[in-house]
Amino acid sequence: MGITELYSNAYCIGKIRYFKGDRLYNENALYEFNKRKITAKELVTFDSALMNLMEITQDEIDSARGSSEQIIAIIIRPGIEISFELEHNSDFVFCGYDLVESFSGISAITNCGADWGDALDYSILNEFGLIPDYRKAVMTQLDLAEKYPDESHAYCEIIEIWRIIN
């Protein structure tokens, strides 16, 4: 089930959702898969193929602490400004914006082999392998769909990502 199918109701779009899961390091195989274009040591993504994430409620955050996992907060189709609620929560750190294919949950940034030509400028990715700026995320989202109309992974949702590291 795709990300938009799973979270298609009005309650989920633009709302904060919490997940816990393992941390993802840009180890050699993944680094090579992405043609050495993503230089971040650790990737923070909402990619369903790379991360084994389990949704938790806000009330479950404290009980999820204390392991090697991370807790991420995501917003599907966020607003122009970063989340005021998360920005003022000292536990969470803003990581950036991921572009996740609507149907499969595959990240166009971290899980498509870095084959987007000039539609995705890998030099702008931050230390988490994400796009740091909302405007650049929107422009990249539009460029992918325009330049790769026959590629399903080019049709993405913008996902704002924050995290707590246990």
C-alpha atoms as a PDB file:
ATOM      1  CA  MET A   1       0.000   0.000   0.000  1.00  0.00           C
ATOM      2  CA  GLY A   2       1.430   3.355  -1.024  1.00  0.00           C
ATOM      3  CA  ILE A   3       2.032   6.348   1.200  1.00  0.00           C
ATOM      4  CA  THR A   4      -0.853   8.325  -0.241  1.00  0.00           C
ATOM      5  CA  GLU A   5      -3.170   5.345  -0.063  1.00  0.00           C
ATOM      6  CA  LEU A   6      -2.158   4.653   3.529  1.00  0.00           C
ATOM      7  CA  TYR A   7      -2.448   8.292   4.594  1.00  0.00           C
ATOM      8  CA  SER A   8      -4.968   9.629   2.092  1.00  0.00           C
ATOM      9  CA  ASN A   9      -7.604  10.846   4.496  1.00  0.00           C
ATOM     10  CA  ALA A  10      -7.658  14.499   5.450  1.00  0.00           C
ATOM     11  CA  TYR A  11      -6.549  13.684   8.993  1.00  0.00           C
ATOM     12  CA  CYS A  12      -3.103  12.509   7.818  1.00  0.00           C
ATOM     13  CA  ILE A  13      -2.134  15.031   5.145  1.00  0.00           C
ATOM     14  CA  GLY A  14      -0.316  17.972   6.715  1.00  0.00           C
ATOM     15  CA  LYS A  15      -0.431  16.378  10.181  1.00  0.00           C
ATOM     16  CA  ILE A  16       2.459  15.162  12.313  1.00  0.00           C
ATOM     17  CA  ARG A  17       2.911  11.378  12.378  1.00  0.00           C
ATOM     18  CA  TYR A  18       5.461   9.585  14.584  1.00  0.00           C
ATOM     19  CA  PHE A  19       7.489   6.473  13.763  1.00  0.00           C
ATOM     20  CA  LYS A  20      10.304   4.523  15.348  1.00  0.00           C
ATOM     21  CA  GLY A  21      12.862   2.494  13.486  1.00  0.00           C
ATOM     22  CA  ASP A  22      16.486   1.669  12.933  1.00  0.00           C
ATOM     23  CA  ARG A  23      19.032   4.241  11.862  1.00  0.00           C
ATOM     24  CA  LEU A  24      20.290   4.054   8.267  1.00  0.00           C
ATOM     25  CA  TYR A  25      23.970   4.552   7.523  1.00  0.00           C
ATOM     26  CA  ASN A  26      25.229   5.320   4.038  1.00  0.00           C
ATOM     27  CA  GLU A  27      27.389   2.216   3.953  1.00  0.00           C
ATOM     28  CA  ASN A  28      29.437   1.262   0.915  1.00  0.00           C
ATOM     29  CA  ALA A  29      26.740  -0.670  -1.013  1.00  0.00           C
ATOM     30  CA  LEU A  30      24.207   2.166  -0.704  1.00  0.00           C
ATOM     31  CA  TYR A  31      26.886   4.769  -1.381  1.00  0.00           C
ATOM     32  CA  GLU A  32      27.872   2.961  -4.586  1.00  0.00           C
ATOM     33  CA  PHE A  33      24.214   2.385  -5.554  1.00  0.00           C
ATOM     34  CA  ASN A  34      23.765   6.161  -5.494  1.00  0.00           C
ATOM     35  CA  LYS A  35      26.881   6.668  -7.619  1.00  0.00           C
ATOM     36  CA  ARG A  36      28.706   8.344  -4.732  1.00  0.00           C
ATOM     37  CA  LYS A  37      26.423  11.375  -5.128  1.00  0.00           C
ATOM     38  CA  ILE A  38      24.947  11.227  -1.623  1.00  0.00           C
ATOM     39  CA  THR A  39      27.787  11.945   0.779  1.00  0.00           C
ATOM     40  CA  ALA A  40      25.844  11.999   4.058  1.00  0.00           C
ATOM     41  CA  LYS A  41      27.176   9.485   6.571  1.00  0.00           C
ATOM     42  CA  GLU A  42      23.694   8.788   7.923  1.00  0.00           C
ATOM     43  CA  LEU A  43      20.486   8.991   5.928  1.00  0.00           C
ATOM     44  CA  VAL A  44      17.195  10.029   7.456  1.00  0.00           C
ATOM     45  CA  THR A  45      14.397   8.943   5.172  1.00  0.00           C
ATOM     46  CA  PHE A  46      10.777   7.831   5.125  1.00  0.00           C
ATOM     47  CA  ASP A  47      11.580   5.227   2.481  1.00  0.00           C
ATOM     48  CA  SER A  48       9.519   2.090   3.072  1.00  0.00           C
ATOM     49  CA  ALA A  49      12.064  -0.089   1.250  1.00  0.00           C
ATOM     50  CA  LEU A  50      15.086   1.135   3.226  1.00  0.00           C
ATOM     51  CA  MET A  51      13.613   1.646   6.675  1.00  0.00           C
ATOM     52  CA  ASN A  52      11.571  -0.683   8.829  1.00  0.00           C
ATOM     53  CA  LEU A  53       9.424   1.933  10.520  1.00  0.00           C
ATOM     54  CA  MET A  54       6.591   1.370  12.961  1.00  0.00           C
ATOM     55  CA  GLU A  55       4.064   4.100  13.605  1.00  0.00           C
ATOM     56  CA  ILE A  56       3.665   5.186  17.200  1.00  0.00           C
ATOM     57  CA  THR A  57       1.469   7.757  18.901  1.00  0.00           C
ATOM     58  CA  GLN A  58       2.773  10.905  20.517  1.00  0.00           C
ATOM     59  CA  ASP A  59       2.032   9.291  23.891  1.00  0.00           C
ATOM     60  CA  GLU A  60       4.319   6.347  23.019  1.00  0.00           C
ATOM     61  CA  ILE A  61       7.400   8.468  22.301  1.00  0.00           C
ATOM     62  CA  ASP A  62       8.791   8.268  25.849  1.00  0.00           C
ATOM     63  CA  SER A  63       8.379   4.491  26.048  1.00  0.00           C
ATOM     64  CA  ALA A  64      10.091   4.135  22.626  1.00  0.00           C
ATOM     65  CA  ARG A  65      13.231   5.863  23.907  1.00  0.00           C
ATOM     66  CA  GLY A  66      16.229   4.015  25.195  1.00  0.00           C
ATOM     67  CA  SER A  67      17.160   1.777  22.294  1.00  0.00           C
ATOM     68  CA  SER A  68      19.418   2.171  19.276  1.00  0.00           C
ATOM     69  CA  GLU A  69      16.398   3.233  17.258  1.00  0.00           C
ATOM     70  CA  GLN A  70      15.450   6.707  16.205  1.00  0.00           C
ATOM     71  CA  ILE A  71      12.070   8.340  16.433  1.00  0.00           C
ATOM     72  CA  ILE A  72      11.031  10.397  13.440  1.00  0.00           C
ATOM     73  CA  ALA A  73       8.182  12.810  13.001  1.00  0.00           C
ATOM     74  CA  ILE A  74       6.949  13.266   9.460  1.00  0.00           C
ATOM     75  CA  ILE A  75       4.503  15.561   7.760  1.00  0.00           C
ATOM     76  CA  ILE A  76       3.158  14.530   4.365  1.00  0.00           C
ATOM     77  CA  ARG A  77       2.553  17.596   2.168  1.00  0.00           C
ATOM     78  CA  PRO A  78       3.844  20.068   4.770  1.00  0.00           C
ATOM     79  CA  GLY A  79       3.207  23.785   4.731  1.00  0.00           C
ATOM     80  CA  ILE A  80       5.704  26.302   3.411  1.00  0.00           C
ATOM     81  CA  GLU A  81       7.124  26.950   6.887  1.00  0.00           C
ATOM     82  CA  ILE A  82       8.581  24.171   9.015  1.00  0.00           C
ATOM     83  CA  SER A  83       6.337  22.793  11.740  1.00  0.00           C
ATOM     84  CA  PHE A  84       5.932  25.326  14.539  1.00  0.00           C
ATOM     85  CA  GLU A  85       5.006  22.540  16.963  1.00  0.00           C
ATOM     86  CA  LEU A  86       8.122  20.486  16.226  1.00  0.00           C
ATOM     87  CA  GLU A  87      10.387  23.521  15.983  1.00  0.00           C
ATOM     88  CA  HIS A  88       9.483  24.412  19.574  1.00  0.00           C
ATOM     89  CA  ASN A  89       9.903  20.850  20.849  1.00  0.00           C
ATOM     90  CA  SER A  90      13.489  20.625  22.085  1.00  0.00           C
ATOM     91  CA  ASP A  91      13.542  16.840  21.596  1.00  0.00           C
ATOM     92  CA  PHE A  92      13.213  16.965  17.812  1.00  0.00           C
ATOM     93  CA  VAL A  93      15.796  18.143  15.279  1.00  0.00           C
ATOM     94  CA  PHE A  94      14.720  19.248  11.796  1.00  0.00           C
ATOM     95  CA  CYS A  95      16.353  17.003   9.195  1.00  0.00           C
ATOM     96  CA  GLY A  96      14.935  18.235   5.880  1.00  0.00           C
ATOM     97  CA  TYR A  97      12.603  17.185   3.105  1.00  0.00           C
ATOM     98  CA  ASP A  98      12.419  13.794   1.428  1.00  0.00           C
ATOM     99  CA  LEU A  99      10.672  13.139  -1.875  1.00  0.00           C
ATOM    100  CA  VAL A 100       8.803   9.852  -1.586  1.00  0.00           C
ATOM    101  CA  GLU A 101       7.005   8.168  -4.455  1.00  0.00           C
ATOM    102  CA  SER A 102       3.291   8.239  -3.801  1.00  0.00           C
ATOM    103  CA  PHE A 103       2.519   4.601  -4.500  1.00  0.00           C
ATOM    104  CA  SER A 104       5.526   2.564  -3.327  1.00  0.00           C
ATOM    105  CA  GLY A 105       7.002   4.743  -0.606  1.00  0.00           C
ATOM    106  CA  ILE A 106      10.393   4.729  -2.386  1.00  0.00           C
ATOM    107  CA  SER A 107      12.530   7.805  -1.822  1.00  0.00           C
ATOM    108  CA  ALA A 108      13.437   9.500  -5.087  1.00  0.00           C
ATOM    109  CA  ILE A 109      16.493  10.864  -3.312  1.00  0.00           C
ATOM    110  CA  THR A 110      18.013   7.851  -1.558  1.00  0.00           C
ATOM    111  CA  ASN A 111      16.589   4.822  -3.346  1.00  0.00           C
ATOM    112  CA  CYS A 112      16.572   5.457  -7.100  1.00  0.00           C
ATOM    113  CA  GLY A 113      20.243   5.053  -7.916  1.00  0.00           C
ATOM    114  CA  ALA A 114      20.961   8.764  -8.419  1.00  0.00           C
ATOM    115  CA  ASP A 115      19.793   8.615 -12.045  1.00  0.00           C
ATOM    116  CA  TRP A 116      17.904  11.906 -12.182  1.00  0.00           C
ATOM    117  CA  GLY A 117      20.367  13.909 -14.243  1.00  0.00           C
ATOM    118  CA  ASP A 118      19.992  17.599 -13.464  1.00  0.00           C
ATOM    119  CA  ALA A 119      16.459  17.196 -12.088  1.00  0.00           C
ATOM    120  CA  LEU A 120      17.927  16.505  -8.641  1.00  0.00           C
ATOM    121  CA  ASP A 121      20.948  18.527  -7.576  1.00  0.00           C
ATOM    122  CA  TYR A 122      22.706  16.151  -5.174  1.00  0.00           C
ATOM    123  CA  SER A 123      25.116  18.895  -4.100  1.00  0.00           C
ATOM    124  CA  ILE A 124      22.326  20.610  -2.135  1.00  0.00           C
ATOM    125  CA  LEU A 125      21.603  17.585   0.062  1.00  0.00           C
ATOM    126  CA  ASN A 126      22.375  18.138   3.722  1.00  0.00           C
ATOM    127  CA  GLU A 127      24.117  15.955   6.312  1.00  0.00           C
ATOM    128  CA  PHE A 128      21.020  13.707   6.441  1.00  0.00           C
ATOM    129  CA  GLY A 129      20.799  13.182   2.661  1.00  0.00           C
ATOM    130  CA  LEU A 130      17.717  15.404   2.468  1.00  0.00           C
ATOM    131  CA  ILE A 131      16.773  18.647   0.769  1.00  0.00           C
ATOM    132  CA  PRO A 132      17.184  21.371   3.410  1.00  0.00           C
ATOM    133  CA  ASP A 133      14.836  23.935   1.913  1.00  0.00           C
ATOM    134  CA  TYR A 134      11.105  23.678   1.141  1.00  0.00           C
ATOM    135  CA  ARG A 135      11.320  25.762  -2.040  1.00  0.00           C
ATOM    136  CA  LYS A 136      14.105  23.550  -3.422  1.00  0.00           C
ATOM    137  CA  ALA A 137      12.078  20.451  -2.512  1.00  0.00           C
ATOM    138  CA  VAL A 138       9.092  21.785  -4.469  1.00  0.00           C
ATOM    139  CA  MET A 139      11.236  22.733  -7.469  1.00  0.00           C
ATOM    140  CA  THR A 140      12.883  19.290  -7.449  1.00  0.00           C
ATOM    141  CA  GLN A 141       9.485  17.605  -7.157  1.00  0.00           C
ATOM    142  CA  LEU A 142       8.269  19.518 -10.215  1.00  0.00           C
ATOM    143  CA  ASP A 143      11.481  18.905 -12.197  1.00  0.00           C
ATOM    144  CA  LEU A 144      11.332  15.148 -11.592  1.00  0.00           C
ATOM    145  CA  ALA A 145       7.763  14.883 -12.860  1.00  0.00           C
ATOM    146  CA  GLU A 146       8.446  17.136 -15.854  1.00  0.00           C
ATOM    147  CA  LYS A 147      11.741  15.582 -16.956  1.00  0.00           C
ATOM    148  CA  TYR A 148      10.842  11.940 -16.219  1.00  0.00           C
ATOM    149  CA  PRO A 149       7.128  11.621 -17.068  1.00  0.00           C
ATOM    150  CA  ASP A 150       7.390   7.860 -17.687  1.00  0.00           C
ATOM    151  CA  GLU A 151       9.140   7.065 -14.397  1.00  0.00           C
ATOM    152  CA  SER A 152       6.757   6.237 -11.519  1.00  0.00           C
ATOM    153  CA  HIS A 153       9.329   7.215  -8.857  1.00  0.00           C
ATOM    154  CA  ALA A 154       9.336  10.758 -10.253  1.00  0.00           C
ATOM    155  CA  TYR A 155       5.841  11.413  -8.883  1.00  0.00           C
ATOM    156  CA  CYS A 156       6.598  12.194  -5.262  1.00  0.00           C
ATOM    157  CA  GLU A 157       5.110  13.567  -2.110  1.00  0.00           C
ATOM    158  CA  ILE A 158       7.147  16.071  -0.130  1.00  0.00           C
ATOM    159  CA  ILE A 159       7.767  14.751   3.373  1.00  0.00           C
ATOM    160  CA  GLU A 160       9.076  17.010   6.149  1.00  0.00           C
ATOM    161  CA  ILE A 161      11.231  14.956   8.536  1.00  0.00           C
ATOM    162  CA  TRP A 162      12.304  15.582  12.129  1.00  0.00           C
ATOM    163  CA  ARG A 163      13.935  13.127  14.509  1.00  0.00           C
ATOM    164  CA  ILE A 164      14.992  12.203  18.002  1.00  0.00           C
ATOM    165  CA  ILE A 165      17.998   9.975  18.420  1.00  0.00           C
ATOM    166  CA  ASN A 166      17.781   7.684  21.427  1.00  0.00           C
END
